[in-house]
Amino acid sequence: MFSFRRPSEADIARFLESSRDLPLSYAPVGLGRHGAGGYQLDELTTRVGHGEADFDRAKTALAEWMHFQLGWVQVYPPSAPITPGSVVAVCIRHLGFWSLNGCRVVYAIEGAGGLEWGFAYGTLANHAETGEEVFTVTFHPATGEVAYVIRAASRPRAMLARLGYPVVRALQARFRRDSARAMQHALSTNTSGSTIC
């Protein structure tokens, strides 16, 4: 859904309701992890902390969608569970207009002996793009490094996305950078909002 004004809470609620039973716009589930022909595969890994406590905090930040608190991108509802089947609306402001895009959490990730944690969501039939995006945090015991990883397989679906593909690619790159900064910020502050030294 594209609009020249910011969607109201009522608009978003209607969009979410109409999205709940929509099918995914791609197959197979898992292409965010493994890729697929015809899809652009992108990945960004960013160090966000150090040690087990930061890993726990990174998992909490991911579960609370803090990687989407960007100002120009927001997820609704902001407290959506990251369990498979959960549907969200991603609201994006770009080039002077707004879009709402439906996504469904398609799988949870908890692998490598508990050293990787996260989830993936897939695009619904009302999303401007088609594909899957994976968000994980990892802990490397040997170095103590905590990293945030975004991996996405995508291609344009809507006519506007196809016509403006270079702009879409620039926005996708901006999202990855801003999302990584949001996770770094989330781990640099404690729950009261004060900076941790």
N, C-alpha and C. Protein backbone atom coordinates (compact mmCIF):
# COMPACT_ATOMS: atom_id res chain seq x y z
N MET A 1 0.84 -1.18 0.00
CA MET A 1 0.00 0.00 0.00
C MET A 1 0.88 1.24 0.00
N PHE A 2 0.70 2.12 -0.96
CA PHE A 2 1.46 3.37 -1.07
C PHE A 2 0.53 4.54 -0.76
N SER A 3 1.07 5.57 -0.09
CA SER A 3 0.26 6.73 0.29
C SER A 3 1.14 7.96 0.37
N PHE A 4 0.54 9.12 0.08
CA PHE A 4 1.27 10.39 0.23
C PHE A 4 1.18 10.94 1.65
N ARG A 5 0.42 10.27 2.51
CA ARG A 5 0.37 10.69 3.91
C ARG A 5 0.72 9.50 4.79
N ARG A 6 1.17 9.80 6.00
CA ARG A 6 1.52 8.74 6.93
C ARG A 6 0.26 7.93 7.26
N PRO A 7 0.33 6.61 7.20
CA PRO A 7 -0.85 5.81 7.55
C PRO A 7 -1.25 6.03 9.01
N SER A 8 -2.53 6.15 9.25
CA SER A 8 -3.03 6.30 10.62
C SER A 8 -3.02 4.95 11.32
N GLU A 9 -3.22 4.97 12.64
CA GLU A 9 -3.31 3.72 13.39
C GLU A 9 -4.44 2.85 12.84
N ALA A 10 -5.56 3.48 12.46
CA ALA A 10 -6.69 2.73 11.89
C ALA A 10 -6.30 2.12 10.55
N ASP A 11 -5.55 2.87 9.72
CA ASP A 11 -5.09 2.33 8.43
C ASP A 11 -4.21 1.09 8.66
N ILE A 12 -3.31 1.20 9.63
CA ILE A 12 -2.39 0.10 9.90
C ILE A 12 -3.15 -1.11 10.44
N ALA A 13 -4.11 -0.87 11.32
CA ALA A 13 -4.91 -1.97 11.87
C ALA A 13 -5.67 -2.69 10.75
N ARG A 14 -6.24 -1.94 9.81
CA ARG A 14 -6.96 -2.55 8.68
C ARG A 14 -5.99 -3.34 7.79
N PHE A 15 -4.82 -2.76 7.57
CA PHE A 15 -3.82 -3.43 6.74
C PHE A 15 -3.39 -4.75 7.38
N LEU A 16 -3.13 -4.71 8.68
CA LEU A 16 -2.74 -5.94 9.38
C LEU A 16 -3.83 -6.99 9.30
N GLU A 17 -5.07 -6.57 9.52
CA GLU A 17 -6.18 -7.52 9.47
C GLU A 17 -6.30 -8.16 8.09
N SER A 18 -6.13 -7.35 7.04
CA SER A 18 -6.25 -7.90 5.69
C SER A 18 -5.03 -8.74 5.30
N SER A 19 -3.94 -8.61 6.06
CA SER A 19 -2.70 -9.35 5.75
C SER A 19 -2.66 -10.73 6.37
N ARG A 20 -3.41 -10.95 7.44
CA ARG A 20 -3.25 -12.16 8.26
C ARG A 20 -3.34 -13.47 7.48
N ASP A 21 -4.24 -13.53 6.51
CA ASP A 21 -4.44 -14.79 5.79
C ASP A 21 -3.81 -14.79 4.39
N LEU A 22 -3.05 -13.76 4.07
CA LEU A 22 -2.42 -13.72 2.75
C LEU A 22 -1.30 -14.75 2.66
N PRO A 23 -1.07 -15.27 1.46
CA PRO A 23 0.05 -16.20 1.30
C PRO A 23 1.38 -15.45 1.20
N LEU A 24 2.46 -16.18 1.42
CA LEU A 24 3.78 -15.63 1.13
C LEU A 24 3.88 -15.38 -0.37
N SER A 25 4.70 -14.42 -0.75
CA SER A 25 4.84 -14.08 -2.18
C SER A 25 6.03 -14.78 -2.83
N TYR A 26 6.58 -15.78 -2.17
CA TYR A 26 7.77 -16.46 -2.68
C TYR A 26 7.76 -17.91 -2.19
N ALA A 27 8.64 -18.69 -2.74
CA ALA A 27 8.91 -20.06 -2.28
C ALA A 27 10.30 -20.42 -2.77
N PRO A 28 11.00 -21.28 -2.07
CA PRO A 28 10.62 -21.94 -0.83
C PRO A 28 11.01 -21.11 0.38
N VAL A 29 10.35 -21.38 1.52
CA VAL A 29 10.79 -20.79 2.78
C VAL A 29 12.21 -21.26 3.04
N GLY A 30 13.06 -20.34 3.46
CA GLY A 30 14.46 -20.67 3.72
C GLY A 30 15.41 -20.02 2.74
N LEU A 31 14.89 -19.33 1.72
CA LEU A 31 15.80 -18.76 0.73
C LEU A 31 16.63 -17.61 1.32
N GLY A 32 16.21 -17.04 2.45
CA GLY A 32 17.03 -16.02 3.11
C GLY A 32 18.32 -16.60 3.66
N ARG A 33 18.29 -17.86 4.02
CA ARG A 33 19.49 -18.53 4.53
C ARG A 33 20.34 -19.10 3.41
N HIS A 34 19.67 -19.58 2.36
CA HIS A 34 20.38 -20.37 1.35
C HIS A 34 20.43 -19.72 -0.03
N GLY A 35 19.63 -18.67 -0.25
CA GLY A 35 19.60 -18.03 -1.56
C GLY A 35 18.78 -18.83 -2.56
N ALA A 36 18.52 -18.22 -3.70
CA ALA A 36 17.79 -18.86 -4.78
C ALA A 36 18.02 -18.08 -6.06
N GLY A 37 17.94 -18.76 -7.18
CA GLY A 37 18.12 -18.10 -8.47
C GLY A 37 17.10 -17.00 -8.68
N GLY A 38 17.55 -15.88 -9.23
CA GLY A 38 16.67 -14.76 -9.51
C GLY A 38 16.48 -13.80 -8.35
N TYR A 39 17.09 -14.10 -7.21
CA TYR A 39 16.99 -13.23 -6.04
C TYR A 39 18.34 -12.59 -5.74
N GLN A 40 18.31 -11.31 -5.40
CA GLN A 40 19.51 -10.60 -4.97
C GLN A 40 19.78 -10.99 -3.52
N LEU A 41 20.98 -11.45 -3.23
CA LEU A 41 21.34 -11.86 -1.88
C LEU A 41 22.26 -10.81 -1.27
N ASP A 42 21.88 -10.28 -0.11
CA ASP A 42 22.66 -9.26 0.59
C ASP A 42 22.90 -9.70 2.02
N GLU A 43 24.05 -9.30 2.56
CA GLU A 43 24.35 -9.62 3.96
C GLU A 43 25.20 -8.52 4.57
N LEU A 44 24.94 -8.23 5.83
CA LEU A 44 25.76 -7.29 6.59
C LEU A 44 25.94 -7.87 7.98
N THR A 45 27.20 -7.94 8.43
CA THR A 45 27.54 -8.39 9.77
C THR A 45 28.20 -7.23 10.50
N THR A 46 27.70 -6.92 11.70
CA THR A 46 28.20 -5.79 12.47
C THR A 46 28.45 -6.20 13.91
N ARG A 47 29.61 -5.84 14.44
CA ARG A 47 29.90 -6.10 15.86
C ARG A 47 29.04 -5.16 16.69
N VAL A 48 28.31 -5.72 17.66
CA VAL A 48 27.43 -4.90 18.50
C VAL A 48 27.75 -5.00 19.99
N GLY A 49 28.64 -5.92 20.38
CA GLY A 49 28.95 -6.04 21.80
C GLY A 49 30.02 -7.07 22.06
N HIS A 50 30.20 -7.37 23.35
CA HIS A 50 31.24 -8.30 23.77
C HIS A 50 30.79 -9.02 25.03
N GLY A 51 30.88 -10.34 24.99
CA GLY A 51 30.58 -11.14 26.17
C GLY A 51 29.16 -11.67 26.20
N GLU A 52 28.95 -12.63 27.11
CA GLU A 52 27.65 -13.31 27.20
C GLU A 52 26.52 -12.37 27.59
N ALA A 53 26.80 -11.41 28.47
CA ALA A 53 25.75 -10.47 28.88
C ALA A 53 25.27 -9.65 27.70
N ASP A 54 26.20 -9.20 26.85
CA ASP A 54 25.80 -8.46 25.65
C ASP A 54 25.04 -9.35 24.67
N PHE A 55 25.40 -10.62 24.61
CA PHE A 55 24.66 -11.55 23.74
C PHE A 55 23.21 -11.66 24.20
N ASP A 56 23.02 -11.79 25.51
CA ASP A 56 21.65 -11.84 26.05
C ASP A 56 20.90 -10.55 25.75
N ARG A 57 21.57 -9.42 25.89
CA ARG A 57 20.93 -8.13 25.62
C ARG A 57 20.62 -7.99 24.13
N ALA A 58 21.49 -8.51 23.28
CA ALA A 58 21.25 -8.45 21.83
C ALA A 58 20.02 -9.30 21.47
N LYS A 59 19.86 -10.45 22.10
CA LYS A 59 18.68 -11.29 21.84
C LYS A 59 17.41 -10.54 22.26
N THR A 60 17.47 -9.89 23.41
CA THR A 60 16.30 -9.12 23.87
C THR A 60 15.98 -7.99 22.90
N ALA A 61 17.02 -7.28 22.44
CA ALA A 61 16.81 -6.17 21.50
C ALA A 61 16.17 -6.67 20.21
N LEU A 62 16.61 -7.82 19.72
CA LEU A 62 16.04 -8.38 18.50
C LEU A 62 14.59 -8.79 18.73
N ALA A 63 14.31 -9.41 19.86
CA ALA A 63 12.94 -9.85 20.17
C ALA A 63 11.99 -8.66 20.32
N GLU A 64 12.52 -7.49 20.69
CA GLU A 64 11.71 -6.28 20.85
C GLU A 64 11.73 -5.40 19.60
N TRP A 65 12.22 -5.93 18.49
CA TRP A 65 12.25 -5.22 17.20
C TRP A 65 13.00 -3.90 17.27
N MET A 66 14.01 -3.80 18.13
CA MET A 66 14.77 -2.55 18.22
C MET A 66 15.56 -2.27 16.96
N HIS A 67 15.81 -3.28 16.16
CA HIS A 67 16.52 -3.11 14.89
C HIS A 67 15.64 -2.43 13.84
N PHE A 68 14.36 -2.21 14.16
CA PHE A 68 13.44 -1.50 13.28
C PHE A 68 13.09 -0.11 13.81
N GLN A 69 13.66 0.32 14.89
CA GLN A 69 13.36 1.65 15.43
C GLN A 69 14.27 2.67 14.76
N LEU A 70 13.92 3.01 13.52
CA LEU A 70 14.79 3.83 12.69
C LEU A 70 14.22 5.20 12.36
N GLY A 71 12.98 5.46 12.72
CA GLY A 71 12.36 6.74 12.35
C GLY A 71 11.70 6.65 10.99
N TRP A 72 12.46 6.33 9.96
CA TRP A 72 11.90 6.24 8.61
C TRP A 72 11.35 4.84 8.30
N VAL A 73 11.66 3.88 9.16
CA VAL A 73 11.11 2.53 9.08
C VAL A 73 10.61 2.13 10.46
N GLN A 74 9.41 1.58 10.52
CA GLN A 74 8.85 1.10 11.77
C GLN A 74 8.07 -0.18 11.51
N VAL A 75 7.96 -1.01 12.54
CA VAL A 75 7.21 -2.24 12.43
C VAL A 75 5.99 -2.16 13.34
N TYR A 76 4.86 -2.70 12.86
CA TYR A 76 3.61 -2.71 13.62
C TYR A 76 3.06 -4.13 13.65
N PRO A 77 2.53 -4.58 14.78
CA PRO A 77 2.63 -3.89 16.07
C PRO A 77 4.06 -3.95 16.60
N PRO A 78 4.50 -2.92 17.32
CA PRO A 78 5.89 -2.88 17.78
C PRO A 78 6.24 -3.98 18.77
N SER A 79 5.24 -4.61 19.36
CA SER A 79 5.49 -5.69 20.32
C SER A 79 5.13 -7.05 19.73
N ALA A 80 5.11 -7.17 18.42
CA ALA A 80 4.74 -8.43 17.78
C ALA A 80 5.68 -9.55 18.21
N PRO A 81 5.14 -10.72 18.53
CA PRO A 81 6.02 -11.84 18.88
C PRO A 81 6.80 -12.31 17.67
N ILE A 82 8.02 -12.77 17.90
CA ILE A 82 8.84 -13.23 16.78
C ILE A 82 8.72 -14.75 16.64
N THR A 83 7.50 -15.21 16.74
CA THR A 83 7.22 -16.63 16.60
C THR A 83 6.64 -16.89 15.21
N PRO A 84 6.93 -18.06 14.63
CA PRO A 84 6.40 -18.35 13.30
C PRO A 84 4.89 -18.17 13.23
N GLY A 85 4.46 -17.49 12.16
CA GLY A 85 3.04 -17.19 11.96
C GLY A 85 2.67 -15.77 12.31
N SER A 86 3.50 -15.09 13.10
CA SER A 86 3.22 -13.71 13.49
C SER A 86 3.30 -12.80 12.26
N VAL A 87 2.28 -11.94 12.09
CA VAL A 87 2.23 -11.03 10.93
C VAL A 87 2.50 -9.60 11.39
N VAL A 88 3.33 -8.90 10.62
CA VAL A 88 3.65 -7.51 10.91
C VAL A 88 3.48 -6.66 9.67
N ALA A 89 3.30 -5.37 9.90
CA ALA A 89 3.30 -4.38 8.82
C ALA A 89 4.56 -3.55 8.96
N VAL A 90 5.34 -3.46 7.90
CA VAL A 90 6.53 -2.62 7.90
C VAL A 90 6.15 -1.32 7.20
N CYS A 91 6.24 -0.23 7.96
CA CYS A 91 5.88 1.09 7.44
C CYS A 91 7.17 1.82 7.08
N ILE A 92 7.25 2.30 5.85
CA ILE A 92 8.47 2.94 5.35
C ILE A 92 8.13 4.29 4.75
N ARG A 93 8.95 5.29 5.11
CA ARG A 93 8.83 6.61 4.47
C ARG A 93 10.00 6.76 3.50
N HIS A 94 9.68 7.00 2.24
CA HIS A 94 10.72 7.12 1.23
C HIS A 94 10.25 8.03 0.10
N LEU A 95 11.13 8.89 -0.33
CA LEU A 95 10.89 9.78 -1.48
C LEU A 95 9.59 10.57 -1.36
N GLY A 96 9.25 10.97 -0.14
CA GLY A 96 8.07 11.80 0.06
C GLY A 96 6.76 11.07 0.18
N PHE A 97 6.79 9.74 0.15
CA PHE A 97 5.54 9.01 0.37
C PHE A 97 5.79 7.84 1.31
N TRP A 98 4.71 7.18 1.70
CA TRP A 98 4.74 6.09 2.67
C TRP A 98 4.29 4.79 2.02
N SER A 99 4.79 3.69 2.54
CA SER A 99 4.29 2.39 2.10
C SER A 99 4.13 1.48 3.30
N LEU A 100 3.13 0.62 3.22
CA LEU A 100 2.93 -0.46 4.19
C LEU A 100 3.17 -1.77 3.46
N ASN A 101 3.92 -2.65 4.11
CA ASN A 101 4.31 -3.91 3.50
C ASN A 101 4.10 -5.04 4.50
N GLY A 102 3.39 -6.08 4.09
CA GLY A 102 3.09 -7.19 4.98
C GLY A 102 4.16 -8.26 4.99
N CYS A 103 4.48 -8.74 6.20
CA CYS A 103 5.46 -9.82 6.36
C CYS A 103 4.96 -10.80 7.42
N ARG A 104 5.43 -12.03 7.30
CA ARG A 104 5.10 -13.06 8.30
C ARG A 104 6.40 -13.69 8.79
N VAL A 105 6.52 -13.84 10.11
CA VAL A 105 7.66 -14.58 10.67
C VAL A 105 7.52 -16.02 10.21
N VAL A 106 8.57 -16.54 9.56
CA VAL A 106 8.47 -17.87 8.97
C VAL A 106 9.27 -18.94 9.72
N TYR A 107 10.31 -18.55 10.43
CA TYR A 107 11.01 -19.52 11.27
C TYR A 107 11.86 -18.80 12.30
N ALA A 108 12.10 -19.53 13.39
CA ALA A 108 13.00 -19.06 14.44
C ALA A 108 14.35 -19.72 14.24
N ILE A 109 15.39 -19.09 14.77
CA ILE A 109 16.75 -19.61 14.62
C ILE A 109 17.37 -19.71 16.00
N GLU A 110 17.80 -20.89 16.35
CA GLU A 110 18.59 -21.08 17.57
C GLU A 110 19.51 -22.25 17.28
N GLY A 111 20.70 -21.91 16.84
CA GLY A 111 21.60 -22.95 16.37
C GLY A 111 22.99 -22.82 16.95
N ALA A 112 23.85 -23.65 16.45
CA ALA A 112 25.27 -23.67 16.79
C ALA A 112 25.48 -23.68 18.30
N GLY A 113 24.80 -24.62 18.98
CA GLY A 113 24.99 -24.74 20.43
C GLY A 113 24.50 -23.53 21.21
N GLY A 114 23.48 -22.85 20.67
CA GLY A 114 22.95 -21.66 21.35
C GLY A 114 23.75 -20.41 21.09
N LEU A 115 24.69 -20.46 20.14
CA LEU A 115 25.55 -19.31 19.86
C LEU A 115 25.02 -18.44 18.73
N GLU A 116 23.89 -18.82 18.17
CA GLU A 116 23.21 -18.02 17.15
C GLU A 116 21.73 -18.01 17.50
N TRP A 117 21.11 -16.83 17.38
CA TRP A 117 19.71 -16.70 17.77
C TRP A 117 19.05 -15.63 16.92
N GLY A 118 17.81 -15.89 16.49
CA GLY A 118 17.10 -14.88 15.72
C GLY A 118 15.87 -15.43 15.04
N PHE A 119 15.51 -14.83 13.93
CA PHE A 119 14.31 -15.22 13.20
C PHE A 119 14.38 -14.72 11.77
N ALA A 120 13.45 -15.22 10.97
CA ALA A 120 13.32 -14.74 9.59
C ALA A 120 11.87 -14.39 9.32
N TYR A 121 11.68 -13.37 8.49
CA TYR A 121 10.32 -13.12 8.02
C TYR A 121 10.31 -13.12 6.51
N GLY A 122 9.13 -13.46 5.98
CA GLY A 122 8.95 -13.51 4.55
C GLY A 122 7.90 -12.51 4.11
N THR A 123 8.00 -12.08 2.87
CA THR A 123 7.06 -11.10 2.32
C THR A 123 5.73 -11.76 1.98
N LEU A 124 4.66 -11.01 2.25
CA LEU A 124 3.32 -11.45 1.87
C LEU A 124 2.96 -10.88 0.50
N ALA A 125 1.82 -11.28 -0.01
CA ALA A 125 1.39 -10.88 -1.35
C ALA A 125 1.11 -9.38 -1.47
N ASN A 126 1.07 -8.64 -0.35
CA ASN A 126 0.85 -7.19 -0.41
C ASN A 126 2.13 -6.40 -0.13
N HIS A 127 3.26 -7.01 -0.30
CA HIS A 127 4.57 -6.37 -0.09
C HIS A 127 5.12 -5.93 -1.45
N ALA A 128 5.80 -4.78 -1.48
CA ALA A 128 6.36 -4.27 -2.74
C ALA A 128 7.50 -5.14 -3.25
N GLU A 129 8.15 -5.86 -2.35
CA GLU A 129 9.24 -6.77 -2.71
C GLU A 129 8.76 -8.20 -2.52
N THR A 130 9.54 -9.14 -2.99
CA THR A 130 9.29 -10.54 -2.70
C THR A 130 10.59 -11.15 -2.20
N GLY A 131 10.51 -11.90 -1.11
CA GLY A 131 11.71 -12.53 -0.58
C GLY A 131 11.65 -12.73 0.92
N GLU A 132 12.82 -12.94 1.48
CA GLU A 132 12.92 -13.31 2.89
C GLU A 132 14.11 -12.60 3.52
N GLU A 133 13.95 -12.19 4.77
CA GLU A 133 15.02 -11.50 5.49
C GLU A 133 15.25 -12.20 6.81
N VAL A 134 16.52 -12.42 7.12
CA VAL A 134 16.94 -13.13 8.32
C VAL A 134 17.68 -12.16 9.23
N PHE A 135 17.31 -12.16 10.51
CA PHE A 135 17.94 -11.30 11.51
C PHE A 135 18.47 -12.19 12.62
N THR A 136 19.78 -12.19 12.83
CA THR A 136 20.34 -13.01 13.89
C THR A 136 21.38 -12.23 14.69
N VAL A 137 21.60 -12.71 15.90
CA VAL A 137 22.75 -12.27 16.69
C VAL A 137 23.57 -13.51 16.99
N THR A 138 24.89 -13.35 17.00
CA THR A 138 25.79 -14.48 17.22
C THR A 138 26.79 -14.14 18.32
N PHE A 139 27.24 -15.19 18.99
CA PHE A 139 28.26 -15.05 20.03
C PHE A 139 29.42 -15.97 19.70
N HIS A 140 30.64 -15.41 19.71
CA HIS A 140 31.85 -16.16 19.39
C HIS A 140 32.66 -16.31 20.68
N PRO A 141 32.56 -17.47 21.34
CA PRO A 141 33.23 -17.62 22.65
C PRO A 141 34.74 -17.36 22.61
N ALA A 142 35.39 -17.71 21.52
CA ALA A 142 36.85 -17.56 21.45
C ALA A 142 37.28 -16.10 21.55
N THR A 143 36.47 -15.21 20.97
CA THR A 143 36.82 -13.78 20.97
C THR A 143 35.91 -12.97 21.88
N GLY A 144 34.76 -13.53 22.25
CA GLY A 144 33.78 -12.80 23.04
C GLY A 144 32.92 -11.87 22.20
N GLU A 145 33.14 -11.84 20.87
CA GLU A 145 32.42 -10.90 20.01
C GLU A 145 30.95 -11.27 19.86
N VAL A 146 30.10 -10.25 19.95
CA VAL A 146 28.68 -10.39 19.67
C VAL A 146 28.41 -9.63 18.38
N ALA A 147 27.81 -10.29 17.41
CA ALA A 147 27.56 -9.67 16.11
C ALA A 147 26.07 -9.74 15.77
N TYR A 148 25.65 -8.75 15.01
CA TYR A 148 24.29 -8.70 14.45
C TYR A 148 24.42 -8.95 12.96
N VAL A 149 23.62 -9.87 12.44
CA VAL A 149 23.72 -10.25 11.03
C VAL A 149 22.35 -10.08 10.37
N ILE A 150 22.33 -9.37 9.25
CA ILE A 150 21.14 -9.28 8.40
C ILE A 150 21.49 -9.97 7.09
N ARG A 151 20.63 -10.89 6.67
CA ARG A 151 20.83 -11.57 5.39
C ARG A 151 19.48 -11.58 4.69
N ALA A 152 19.46 -11.12 3.46
CA ALA A 152 18.19 -11.01 2.74
C ALA A 152 18.33 -11.50 1.30
N ALA A 153 17.28 -12.18 0.85
CA ALA A 153 17.13 -12.55 -0.56
C ALA A 153 15.88 -11.84 -1.05
N SER A 154 16.02 -11.01 -2.08
CA SER A 154 14.87 -10.21 -2.52
C SER A 154 14.90 -9.94 -4.01
N ARG A 155 13.72 -9.58 -4.50
CA ARG A 155 13.57 -9.04 -5.85
C ARG A 155 12.30 -8.21 -5.85
N PRO A 156 12.19 -7.23 -6.74
CA PRO A 156 11.00 -6.37 -6.75
C PRO A 156 9.77 -7.13 -7.22
N ARG A 157 8.61 -6.80 -6.64
CA ARG A 157 7.34 -7.42 -7.03
C ARG A 157 6.40 -6.38 -7.62
N ALA A 158 6.16 -5.27 -6.88
CA ALA A 158 5.25 -4.23 -7.34
C ALA A 158 5.86 -3.45 -8.51
N MET A 159 5.01 -2.91 -9.36
CA MET A 159 5.48 -2.15 -10.53
C MET A 159 6.37 -0.99 -10.11
N LEU A 160 5.98 -0.23 -9.07
CA LEU A 160 6.81 0.89 -8.62
C LEU A 160 8.18 0.42 -8.17
N ALA A 161 8.24 -0.72 -7.50
CA ALA A 161 9.53 -1.25 -7.05
C ALA A 161 10.39 -1.66 -8.24
N ARG A 162 9.76 -2.21 -9.29
CA ARG A 162 10.52 -2.59 -10.48
C ARG A 162 11.03 -1.36 -11.22
N LEU A 163 10.15 -0.36 -11.37
CA LEU A 163 10.55 0.86 -12.08
C LEU A 163 11.64 1.63 -11.34
N GLY A 164 11.56 1.62 -10.03
CA GLY A 164 12.53 2.37 -9.22
C GLY A 164 13.57 1.49 -8.57
N TYR A 165 13.97 0.40 -9.25
CA TYR A 165 14.85 -0.59 -8.64
C TYR A 165 16.16 -0.01 -8.10
N PRO A 166 16.84 0.91 -8.80
CA PRO A 166 18.06 1.48 -8.20
C PRO A 166 17.78 2.20 -6.87
N VAL A 167 16.64 2.85 -6.76
CA VAL A 167 16.27 3.52 -5.51
C VAL A 167 15.97 2.47 -4.44
N VAL A 168 15.26 1.42 -4.82
CA VAL A 168 14.96 0.32 -3.89
C VAL A 168 16.25 -0.26 -3.33
N ARG A 169 17.23 -0.50 -4.20
CA ARG A 169 18.51 -1.06 -3.74
C ARG A 169 19.21 -0.12 -2.77
N ALA A 170 19.15 1.19 -3.03
CA ALA A 170 19.76 2.16 -2.13
C ALA A 170 19.06 2.15 -0.77
N LEU A 171 17.73 2.04 -0.78
CA LEU A 171 16.97 1.99 0.47
C LEU A 171 17.26 0.71 1.25
N GLN A 172 17.42 -0.40 0.55
CA GLN A 172 17.76 -1.65 1.22
C GLN A 172 19.12 -1.53 1.91
N ALA A 173 20.10 -0.94 1.23
CA ALA A 173 21.42 -0.76 1.83
C ALA A 173 21.35 0.18 3.03
N ARG A 174 20.56 1.24 2.90
CA ARG A 174 20.39 2.17 4.02
C ARG A 174 19.74 1.47 5.21
N PHE A 175 18.73 0.63 4.95
CA PHE A 175 18.10 -0.10 6.04
C PHE A 175 19.11 -0.97 6.77
N ARG A 176 19.95 -1.69 6.04
CA ARG A 176 20.93 -2.56 6.70
C ARG A 176 21.86 -1.74 7.58
N ARG A 177 22.35 -0.62 7.08
CA ARG A 177 23.26 0.22 7.87
C ARG A 177 22.57 0.79 9.10
N ASP A 178 21.38 1.35 8.90
CA ASP A 178 20.65 1.98 10.01
C ASP A 178 20.22 0.95 11.04
N SER A 179 19.82 -0.24 10.58
CA SER A 179 19.42 -1.29 11.50
C SER A 179 20.59 -1.74 12.36
N ALA A 180 21.77 -1.86 11.75
CA ALA A 180 22.97 -2.22 12.52
C ALA A 180 23.28 -1.15 13.56
N ARG A 181 23.16 0.11 13.17
CA ARG A 181 23.41 1.20 14.15
C ARG A 181 22.38 1.16 15.27
N ALA A 182 21.13 0.84 14.95
CA ALA A 182 20.10 0.76 15.98
C ALA A 182 20.43 -0.35 16.98
N MET A 183 20.95 -1.46 16.51
CA MET A 183 21.34 -2.54 17.42
C MET A 183 22.55 -2.13 18.25
N GLN A 184 23.51 -1.45 17.66
CA GLN A 184 24.65 -0.97 18.43
C GLN A 184 24.18 -0.01 19.52
N HIS A 185 23.26 0.87 19.17
CA HIS A 185 22.72 1.83 20.14
C HIS A 185 21.97 1.10 21.25
N ALA A 186 21.19 0.09 20.88
CA ALA A 186 20.42 -0.66 21.89
C ALA A 186 21.34 -1.30 22.92
N LEU A 187 22.52 -1.76 22.48
CA LEU A 187 23.44 -2.39 23.41
C LEU A 187 24.33 -1.40 24.14
N SER A 188 24.36 -0.14 23.67
CA SER A 188 25.19 0.86 24.34
C SER A 188 24.46 1.57 25.46
N THR A 189 23.15 1.28 25.59
CA THR A 189 22.36 1.88 26.67
C THR A 189 21.73 0.79 27.50
N ASN A 190 21.57 1.07 28.80
CA ASN A 190 20.90 0.06 29.63
C ASN A 190 19.42 0.32 29.62
N THR A 191 18.66 -0.43 30.40
CA THR A 191 17.20 -0.33 30.36
C THR A 191 16.69 1.02 30.82
N SER A 192 17.47 1.77 31.58
CA SER A 192 17.01 3.10 32.02
C SER A 192 17.34 4.16 30.99
N GLY A 193 18.07 3.73 29.91
CA GLY A 193 18.38 4.67 28.86
C GLY A 193 19.71 5.38 29.02
N SER A 194 20.43 5.10 30.10
CA SER A 194 21.72 5.76 30.29
C SER A 194 22.81 4.94 29.63
N THR A 195 23.87 5.61 29.19
CA THR A 195 24.93 4.94 28.48
C THR A 195 25.75 4.06 29.42
N ILE A 196 26.07 2.88 28.95
CA ILE A 196 26.94 1.99 29.71
C ILE A 196 28.37 2.25 29.30
N CYS A 197 29.25 2.45 30.26
CA CYS A 197 30.66 2.74 29.97
C CYS A 197 31.46 1.45 29.78
